[in-house]
């Protein structure tokens, strides 16, 4: 489905869109389907239909081997991960508006896309499942003024009818800036032991929530901490999944 802002669109395809419909948060076209127009919804949903690693939600090529190049060697501690969309155009515009431009109203749009994909591809969660956000690094929290993952976790928990536990993780992150320069394996090793839980999760299922999954190191560390606290199963739901890049190995 071609987007009328980027390609020539037959006029008859645009007939029937109400003049007073709200503008799409991504492209500005009038939308009769909520915050996103049908063109942008299609652009975001199409990559989500690709073959993906069930453990880390990485989009895989059609002839990919059984071993995921991102989490296979690292034995990611998550049992399953679902992403709302891939962290590339146009989805990256939503993340940028939410995190960088501090447009908190985007949280509702992101949470809607996340929950939609979870209901399509995620396992059924029991009512006792805990929804836990990935904590922000201190410098990021001070600069931004809010934790994007916590904002999303609150909305996701509400939509799924689950309990959000927003403040039960303590972080002991060291060398925060250096993490960005490390490769996948080095970053995962550096993140070991970075999190602790303030309460027991004995026998509980856990759904971790984050805005962007890049290498999986942070989610892996938090999942391990949840398991040490007694969690039975640990899953993850993220707004965006970064495509795999060879240089990040």
C-alpha atoms as a PDB file:
ATOM      1  CA  UNK A   1       0.000   0.000   0.000  1.00  0.00           C
ATOM      2  CA  UNK A   2       1.670   3.193  -1.196  1.00  0.00           C
ATOM      3  CA  UNK A   3       1.678   6.186   1.117  1.00  0.00           C
ATOM      4  CA  UNK A   4       0.280   9.316  -0.594  1.00  0.00           C
ATOM      5  CA  UNK A   5       2.985  11.506   0.901  1.00  0.00           C
ATOM      6  CA  UNK A   6       5.781   9.425  -0.611  1.00  0.00           C
ATOM      7  CA  UNK A   7       4.307   7.998  -3.807  1.00  0.00           C
ATOM      8  CA  UNK A   8       1.644   9.012  -6.277  1.00  0.00           C
ATOM      9  CA  UNK A   9      -1.657   7.722  -4.928  1.00  0.00           C
ATOM     10  CA  UNK A  10      -4.802   7.391  -7.074  1.00  0.00           C
ATOM     11  CA  UNK A  11      -7.311  10.042  -6.061  1.00  0.00           C
ATOM     12  CA  UNK A  12     -10.112   7.519  -5.629  1.00  0.00           C
ATOM     13  CA  UNK A  13      -8.127   5.804  -2.828  1.00  0.00           C
ATOM     14  CA  UNK A  14      -8.431   8.964  -0.711  1.00  0.00           C
ATOM     15  CA  UNK A  15     -12.171   9.473  -1.246  1.00  0.00           C
ATOM     16  CA  UNK A  16     -14.242   8.904   1.871  1.00  0.00           C
ATOM     17  CA  UNK A  17     -11.762  10.202   4.458  1.00  0.00           C
ATOM     18  CA  UNK A  18     -13.756  12.687   6.582  1.00  0.00           C
ATOM     19  CA  UNK A  19     -12.597  16.288   6.407  1.00  0.00           C
ATOM     20  CA  UNK A  20     -12.807  16.607  10.181  1.00  0.00           C
ATOM     21  CA  UNK A  21     -10.899  13.379  10.936  1.00  0.00           C
ATOM     22  CA  UNK A  22      -7.904  13.770  13.254  1.00  0.00           C
ATOM     23  CA  UNK A  23      -4.432  14.103  11.710  1.00  0.00           C
ATOM     24  CA  UNK A  24      -2.137  11.085  11.698  1.00  0.00           C
ATOM     25  CA  UNK A  25       0.650  11.525  14.273  1.00  0.00           C
ATOM     26  CA  UNK A  26       3.232  10.307  11.759  1.00  0.00           C
ATOM     27  CA  UNK A  27       2.381  11.872   8.412  1.00  0.00           C
ATOM     28  CA  UNK A  28      -0.248  14.498   9.217  1.00  0.00           C
ATOM     29  CA  UNK A  29      -2.853  13.125   6.806  1.00  0.00           C
ATOM     30  CA  UNK A  30      -6.420  13.005   8.024  1.00  0.00           C
ATOM     31  CA  UNK A  31      -7.052   9.688   9.736  1.00  0.00           C
ATOM     32  CA  UNK A  32     -10.336   7.917  10.274  1.00  0.00           C
ATOM     33  CA  UNK A  33      -8.619   5.009  12.021  1.00  0.00           C
ATOM     34  CA  UNK A  34      -7.382   6.739  15.153  1.00  0.00           C
ATOM     35  CA  UNK A  35      -3.994   8.311  15.846  1.00  0.00           C
ATOM     36  CA  UNK A  36      -2.411   6.618  12.816  1.00  0.00           C
ATOM     37  CA  UNK A  37      -3.774   6.716   9.271  1.00  0.00           C
ATOM     38  CA  UNK A  38      -4.301   3.422   7.466  1.00  0.00           C
ATOM     39  CA  UNK A  39      -1.218   4.003   5.306  1.00  0.00           C
ATOM     40  CA  UNK A  40       1.094   4.431   8.299  1.00  0.00           C
ATOM     41  CA  UNK A  41      -0.512   1.523  10.128  1.00  0.00           C
ATOM     42  CA  UNK A  42       0.181  -0.645   7.087  1.00  0.00           C
ATOM     43  CA  UNK A  43       3.790   0.584   6.878  1.00  0.00           C
ATOM     44  CA  UNK A  44       4.361  -0.297  10.556  1.00  0.00           C
ATOM     45  CA  UNK A  45       2.561  -3.637  10.460  1.00  0.00           C
ATOM     46  CA  UNK A  46       4.120  -5.076   7.303  1.00  0.00           C
ATOM     47  CA  UNK A  47       7.631  -5.778   8.746  1.00  0.00           C
ATOM     48  CA  UNK A  48       6.029  -7.409  11.789  1.00  0.00           C
ATOM     49  CA  UNK A  49       4.770 -10.178   9.504  1.00  0.00           C
ATOM     50  CA  UNK A  50       8.317 -11.265   8.611  1.00  0.00           C
ATOM     51  CA  UNK A  51       9.985 -14.385   9.970  1.00  0.00           C
ATOM     52  CA  UNK A  52      11.268 -13.570  13.458  1.00  0.00           C
ATOM     53  CA  UNK A  53      13.295 -15.170  16.209  1.00  0.00           C
ATOM     54  CA  UNK A  54      10.709 -16.097  18.867  1.00  0.00           C
ATOM     55  CA  UNK A  55      13.172 -15.432  21.673  1.00  0.00           C
ATOM     56  CA  UNK A  56      14.396 -11.932  20.750  1.00  0.00           C
ATOM     57  CA  UNK A  57      11.981 -10.823  17.965  1.00  0.00           C
ATOM     58  CA  UNK A  58      14.792 -10.203  15.474  1.00  0.00           C
ATOM     59  CA  UNK A  59      13.574 -10.118  11.868  1.00  0.00           C
ATOM     60  CA  UNK A  60      15.311 -12.958  10.030  1.00  0.00           C
ATOM     61  CA  UNK A  61      15.998 -13.379   6.308  1.00  0.00           C
ATOM     62  CA  UNK A  62      13.741 -15.863   4.471  1.00  0.00           C
ATOM     63  CA  UNK A  63      16.426 -18.552   4.340  1.00  0.00           C
ATOM     64  CA  UNK A  64      17.783 -17.971   7.853  1.00  0.00           C
ATOM     65  CA  UNK A  65      19.323 -20.848   9.772  1.00  0.00           C
ATOM     66  CA  UNK A  66      17.626 -22.096  12.916  1.00  0.00           C
ATOM     67  CA  UNK A  67      20.148 -20.258  15.128  1.00  0.00           C
ATOM     68  CA  UNK A  68      19.391 -16.561  15.554  1.00  0.00           C
ATOM     69  CA  UNK A  69      22.559 -14.500  14.909  1.00  0.00           C
ATOM     70  CA  UNK A  70      21.669 -12.135  17.757  1.00  0.00           C
ATOM     71  CA  UNK A  71      20.600 -14.245  20.733  1.00  0.00           C
ATOM     72  CA  UNK A  72      21.581 -17.784  19.748  1.00  0.00           C
ATOM     73  CA  UNK A  73      25.150 -17.687  21.007  1.00  0.00           C
ATOM     74  CA  UNK A  74      24.269 -15.582  24.047  1.00  0.00           C
ATOM     75  CA  UNK A  75      21.464 -17.879  25.271  1.00  0.00           C
ATOM     76  CA  UNK A  76      19.089 -15.012  25.994  1.00  0.00           C
ATOM     77  CA  UNK A  77      17.214 -15.651  29.232  1.00  0.00           C
ATOM     78  CA  UNK A  78      13.837 -14.601  27.824  1.00  0.00           C
ATOM     79  CA  UNK A  79      11.380 -17.258  26.760  1.00  0.00           C
ATOM     80  CA  UNK A  80       9.717 -15.058  24.154  1.00  0.00           C
ATOM     81  CA  UNK A  81       9.847 -11.473  22.893  1.00  0.00           C
ATOM     82  CA  UNK A  82       7.314  -9.527  20.853  1.00  0.00           C
ATOM     83  CA  UNK A  83       7.959  -6.163  19.170  1.00  0.00           C
ATOM     84  CA  UNK A  84       5.430  -3.588  18.039  1.00  0.00           C
ATOM     85  CA  UNK A  85       7.489  -2.775  14.941  1.00  0.00           C
ATOM     86  CA  UNK A  86      11.059  -2.539  13.677  1.00  0.00           C
ATOM     87  CA  UNK A  87      13.235   0.386  14.682  1.00  0.00           C
ATOM     88  CA  UNK A  88      13.461   1.890  11.221  1.00  0.00           C
ATOM     89  CA  UNK A  89      11.452   4.352   9.166  1.00  0.00           C
ATOM     90  CA  UNK A  90       8.678   5.221   9.832  1.00  0.00           C
ATOM     91  CA  UNK A  91       8.551   3.622  13.285  1.00  0.00           C
ATOM     92  CA  UNK A  92      11.706   5.364  14.455  1.00  0.00           C
ATOM     93  CA  UNK A  93       9.812   8.660  14.110  1.00  0.00           C
ATOM     94  CA  UNK A  94       7.364   7.531  16.798  1.00  0.00           C
ATOM     95  CA  UNK A  95      10.195   6.579  19.160  1.00  0.00           C
ATOM     96  CA  UNK A  96      12.004   9.879  18.520  1.00  0.00           C
ATOM     97  CA  UNK A  97       8.861  11.917  19.163  1.00  0.00           C
ATOM     98  CA  UNK A  98       8.222  10.024  22.406  1.00  0.00           C
ATOM     99  CA  UNK A  99      11.736   9.885  23.868  1.00  0.00           C
ATOM    100  CA  UNK A 100      13.554  12.873  22.412  1.00  0.00           C
ATOM    101  CA  UNK A 101      10.777  15.379  21.789  1.00  0.00           C
ATOM    102  CA  UNK A 102       9.009  14.300  25.010  1.00  0.00           C
ATOM    103  CA  UNK A 103       5.623  13.972  23.330  1.00  0.00           C
ATOM    104  CA  UNK A 104       4.111  11.751  26.012  1.00  0.00           C
ATOM    105  CA  UNK A 105       0.866  11.405  24.074  1.00  0.00           C
ATOM    106  CA  UNK A 106       2.794   9.042  21.788  1.00  0.00           C
ATOM    107  CA  UNK A 107       2.812   6.497  24.621  1.00  0.00           C
ATOM    108  CA  UNK A 108      -0.817   5.622  23.884  1.00  0.00           C
ATOM    109  CA  UNK A 109      -0.011   4.990  20.207  1.00  0.00           C
ATOM    110  CA  UNK A 110       3.057   2.896  21.013  1.00  0.00           C
ATOM    111  CA  UNK A 111       1.259   0.867  23.674  1.00  0.00           C
ATOM    112  CA  UNK A 112      -1.594   0.174  21.269  1.00  0.00           C
ATOM    113  CA  UNK A 113       0.816  -1.183  18.651  1.00  0.00           C
ATOM    114  CA  UNK A 114       2.671  -3.244  21.254  1.00  0.00           C
ATOM    115  CA  UNK A 115      -0.459  -4.820  22.724  1.00  0.00           C
ATOM    116  CA  UNK A 116      -1.823  -5.496  19.243  1.00  0.00           C
ATOM    117  CA  UNK A 117       1.281  -7.510  18.338  1.00  0.00           C
ATOM    118  CA  UNK A 118       1.331  -9.288  21.697  1.00  0.00           C
ATOM    119  CA  UNK A 119      -2.242 -10.479  21.226  1.00  0.00           C
ATOM    120  CA  UNK A 120      -1.285 -11.776  17.790  1.00  0.00           C
ATOM    121  CA  UNK A 121       2.040 -13.404  18.568  1.00  0.00           C
ATOM    122  CA  UNK A 122       2.591 -13.564  22.347  1.00  0.00           C
ATOM    123  CA  UNK A 123       1.638 -16.389  24.718  1.00  0.00           C
ATOM    124  CA  UNK A 124      -1.412 -16.131  26.959  1.00  0.00           C
ATOM    125  CA  UNK A 125      -0.483 -14.547  30.279  1.00  0.00           C
ATOM    126  CA  UNK A 126      -2.151 -15.464  33.548  1.00  0.00           C
ATOM    127  CA  UNK A 127      -3.778 -12.769  35.658  1.00  0.00           C
ATOM    128  CA  UNK A 128      -0.967 -12.894  38.232  1.00  0.00           C
ATOM    129  CA  UNK A 129       1.693 -11.917  35.680  1.00  0.00           C
ATOM    130  CA  UNK A 130       3.790  -8.912  36.718  1.00  0.00           C
ATOM    131  CA  UNK A 131       4.605  -6.172  34.195  1.00  0.00           C
ATOM    132  CA  UNK A 132       8.048  -4.694  34.928  1.00  0.00           C
ATOM    133  CA  UNK A 133       9.716  -1.856  32.977  1.00  0.00           C
ATOM    134  CA  UNK A 134      13.420  -1.684  32.259  1.00  0.00           C
ATOM    135  CA  UNK A 135      14.820   1.102  34.477  1.00  0.00           C
ATOM    136  CA  UNK A 136      16.424   4.135  32.861  1.00  0.00           C
ATOM    137  CA  UNK A 137      20.060   4.973  33.374  1.00  0.00           C
ATOM    138  CA  UNK A 138      20.527   7.837  35.830  1.00  0.00           C
ATOM    139  CA  UNK A 139      21.877  10.283  33.260  1.00  0.00           C
ATOM    140  CA  UNK A 140      19.091   9.500  30.807  1.00  0.00           C
ATOM    141  CA  UNK A 141      16.441   9.867  33.499  1.00  0.00           C
ATOM    142  CA  UNK A 142      17.862  13.216  34.577  1.00  0.00           C
ATOM    143  CA  UNK A 143      18.073  14.471  30.988  1.00  0.00           C
ATOM    144  CA  UNK A 144      14.676  13.232  29.863  1.00  0.00           C
ATOM    145  CA  UNK A 145      12.685  13.651  33.061  1.00  0.00           C
ATOM    146  CA  UNK A 146      10.858  10.324  32.725  1.00  0.00           C
ATOM    147  CA  UNK A 147      11.455   6.645  32.098  1.00  0.00           C
ATOM    148  CA  UNK A 148       9.954   5.745  28.680  1.00  0.00           C
ATOM    149  CA  UNK A 149       9.728   2.054  29.585  1.00  0.00           C
ATOM    150  CA  UNK A 150       7.777   2.805  32.764  1.00  0.00           C
ATOM    151  CA  UNK A 151       5.280   4.990  30.905  1.00  0.00           C
ATOM    152  CA  UNK A 152       4.732   2.225  28.354  1.00  0.00           C
ATOM    153  CA  UNK A 153       4.573  -0.490  31.014  1.00  0.00           C
ATOM    154  CA  UNK A 154       1.756   1.292  32.838  1.00  0.00           C
ATOM    155  CA  UNK A 155      -0.332   1.494  29.655  1.00  0.00           C
ATOM    156  CA  UNK A 156       0.491  -2.032  28.503  1.00  0.00           C
ATOM    157  CA  UNK A 157      -0.464  -3.467  31.897  1.00  0.00           C
ATOM    158  CA  UNK A 158      -3.769  -1.605  31.826  1.00  0.00           C
ATOM    159  CA  UNK A 159      -4.581  -2.849  28.306  1.00  0.00           C
ATOM    160  CA  UNK A 160      -3.733  -6.452  29.207  1.00  0.00           C
ATOM    161  CA  UNK A 161      -5.455  -6.330  32.598  1.00  0.00           C
ATOM    162  CA  UNK A 162      -2.239  -7.031  34.504  1.00  0.00           C
ATOM    163  CA  UNK A 163      -0.421  -5.524  37.482  1.00  0.00           C
ATOM    164  CA  UNK A 164       2.378  -3.051  36.718  1.00  0.00           C
ATOM    165  CA  UNK A 165       5.299  -3.111  39.165  1.00  0.00           C
ATOM    166  CA  UNK A 166       7.131   0.074  38.237  1.00  0.00           C
ATOM    167  CA  UNK A 167       9.573   0.496  41.113  1.00  0.00           C
ATOM    168  CA  UNK A 168      10.757  -2.941  42.203  1.00  0.00           C
ATOM    169  CA  UNK A 169      14.025  -3.016  40.235  1.00  0.00           C
ATOM    170  CA  UNK A 170      17.236  -1.546  41.587  1.00  0.00           C
ATOM    171  CA  UNK A 171      19.970  -0.858  39.058  1.00  0.00           C
ATOM    172  CA  UNK A 172      23.709  -0.982  39.649  1.00  0.00           C
ATOM    173  CA  UNK A 173      24.851   0.152  36.221  1.00  0.00           C
ATOM    174  CA  UNK A 174      28.511   1.044  35.867  1.00  0.00           C
ATOM    175  CA  UNK A 175      30.278   2.844  33.028  1.00  0.00           C
ATOM    176  CA  UNK A 176      26.978   3.873  31.424  1.00  0.00           C
ATOM    177  CA  UNK A 177      28.540   5.690  28.476  1.00  0.00           C
ATOM    178  CA  UNK A 178      30.997   2.894  27.731  1.00  0.00           C
ATOM    179  CA  UNK A 179      28.151   0.406  27.166  1.00  0.00           C
ATOM    180  CA  UNK A 180      27.254   2.086  23.882  1.00  0.00           C
ATOM    181  CA  UNK A 181      30.662   1.303  22.386  1.00  0.00           C
ATOM    182  CA  UNK A 182      30.626  -2.415  23.237  1.00  0.00           C
ATOM    183  CA  UNK A 183      29.616  -5.238  20.923  1.00  0.00           C
ATOM    184  CA  UNK A 184      26.804  -7.694  21.663  1.00  0.00           C
ATOM    185  CA  UNK A 185      28.742 -10.289  23.636  1.00  0.00           C
ATOM    186  CA  UNK A 186      30.850  -7.733  25.534  1.00  0.00           C
ATOM    187  CA  UNK A 187      27.826  -5.669  26.458  1.00  0.00           C
ATOM    188  CA  UNK A 188      25.926  -8.726  27.662  1.00  0.00           C
ATOM    189  CA  UNK A 189      28.847  -9.729  29.829  1.00  0.00           C
ATOM    190  CA  UNK A 190      29.189  -6.190  31.216  1.00  0.00           C
ATOM    191  CA  UNK A 191      25.484  -6.126  32.139  1.00  0.00           C
ATOM    192  CA  UNK A 192      25.597  -9.292  34.244  1.00  0.00           C
ATOM    193  CA  UNK A 193      24.490  -8.523  37.805  1.00  0.00           C
ATOM    194  CA  UNK A 194      23.305  -5.017  36.918  1.00  0.00           C
ATOM    195  CA  UNK A 195      19.817  -5.466  38.396  1.00  0.00           C
ATOM    196  CA  UNK A 196      18.222  -6.667  41.630  1.00  0.00           C
ATOM    197  CA  UNK A 197      14.582  -7.086  42.630  1.00  0.00           C
ATOM    198  CA  UNK A 198      13.166  -5.527  45.798  1.00  0.00           C
ATOM    199  CA  UNK A 199      10.506  -8.219  46.201  1.00  0.00           C
ATOM    200  CA  UNK A 200      10.073 -11.907  45.537  1.00  0.00           C
ATOM    201  CA  UNK A 201       8.631 -13.076  42.232  1.00  0.00           C
ATOM    202  CA  UNK A 202       8.330 -16.667  43.391  1.00  0.00           C
ATOM    203  CA  UNK A 203       6.138 -18.636  41.013  1.00  0.00           C
ATOM    204  CA  UNK A 204       5.118 -15.553  38.993  1.00  0.00           C
ATOM    205  CA  UNK A 205       5.235 -14.969  35.273  1.00  0.00           C
ATOM    206  CA  UNK A 206       6.886 -11.682  34.297  1.00  0.00           C
ATOM    207  CA  UNK A 207       6.457  -9.437  31.268  1.00  0.00           C
ATOM    208  CA  UNK A 208       9.359  -7.018  30.826  1.00  0.00           C
ATOM    209  CA  UNK A 209       8.654  -3.818  28.886  1.00  0.00           C
ATOM    210  CA  UNK A 210      11.111  -1.560  27.065  1.00  0.00           C
ATOM    211  CA  UNK A 211      10.967   1.026  24.310  1.00  0.00           C
ATOM    212  CA  UNK A 212      13.763  -0.250  22.031  1.00  0.00           C
ATOM    213  CA  UNK A 213      15.529  -3.609  21.976  1.00  0.00           C
ATOM    214  CA  UNK A 214      18.979  -3.245  20.405  1.00  0.00           C
ATOM    215  CA  UNK A 215      21.301  -6.068  21.455  1.00  0.00           C
ATOM    216  CA  UNK A 216      19.166  -7.661  24.176  1.00  0.00           C
ATOM    217  CA  UNK A 217      21.877  -7.255  26.812  1.00  0.00           C
ATOM    218  CA  UNK A 218      19.764  -5.122  29.158  1.00  0.00           C
ATOM    219  CA  UNK A 219      16.676  -7.322  28.889  1.00  0.00           C
ATOM    220  CA  UNK A 220      18.815 -10.424  29.356  1.00  0.00           C
ATOM    221  CA  UNK A 221      20.319  -9.020  32.565  1.00  0.00           C
ATOM    222  CA  UNK A 222      16.910  -8.043  33.929  1.00  0.00           C
ATOM    223  CA  UNK A 223      15.426 -11.412  32.979  1.00  0.00           C
ATOM    224  CA  UNK A 224      18.212 -13.175  34.883  1.00  0.00           C
ATOM    225  CA  UNK A 225      17.515 -10.991  37.928  1.00  0.00           C
ATOM    226  CA  UNK A 226      13.823 -11.870  37.741  1.00  0.00           C
ATOM    227  CA  UNK A 227      14.640 -15.563  37.613  1.00  0.00           C
ATOM    228  CA  UNK A 228      16.902 -15.198  40.650  1.00  0.00           C
ATOM    229  CA  UNK A 229      13.937 -13.564  42.410  1.00  0.00           C
ATOM    230  CA  UNK A 230      11.859 -16.670  41.682  1.00  0.00           C
ATOM    231  CA  UNK A 231      10.079 -15.820  38.428  1.00  0.00           C
ATOM    232  CA  UNK A 232       8.689 -18.862  36.667  1.00  0.00           C
ATOM    233  CA  UNK A 233       8.628 -17.472  33.114  1.00  0.00           C
ATOM    234  CA  UNK A 234      10.033 -14.214  31.737  1.00  0.00           C
ATOM    235  CA  UNK A 235       8.812 -12.619  28.512  1.00  0.00           C
ATOM    236  CA  UNK A 236       9.450  -9.240  26.906  1.00  0.00           C
ATOM    237  CA  UNK A 237       7.339  -6.757  24.976  1.00  0.00           C
ATOM    238  CA  UNK A 238       9.112  -3.846  23.294  1.00  0.00           C
ATOM    239  CA  UNK A 239       7.892  -0.979  21.156  1.00  0.00           C
ATOM    240  CA  UNK A 240      10.640  -1.355  18.557  1.00  0.00           C
ATOM    241  CA  UNK A 241      13.200  -4.003  17.639  1.00  0.00           C
ATOM    242  CA  UNK A 242      16.444  -2.788  16.065  1.00  0.00           C
ATOM    243  CA  UNK A 243      17.428  -4.716  12.901  1.00  0.00           C
ATOM    244  CA  UNK A 244      20.548  -6.836  13.202  1.00  0.00           C
ATOM    245  CA  UNK A 245      23.775  -5.222  12.032  1.00  0.00           C
ATOM    246  CA  UNK A 246      27.032  -7.052  11.474  1.00  0.00           C
ATOM    247  CA  UNK A 247      29.084  -4.280  13.112  1.00  0.00           C
ATOM    248  CA  UNK A 248      27.238  -4.787  16.418  1.00  0.00           C
ATOM    249  CA  UNK A 249      28.491  -8.346  16.842  1.00  0.00           C
END
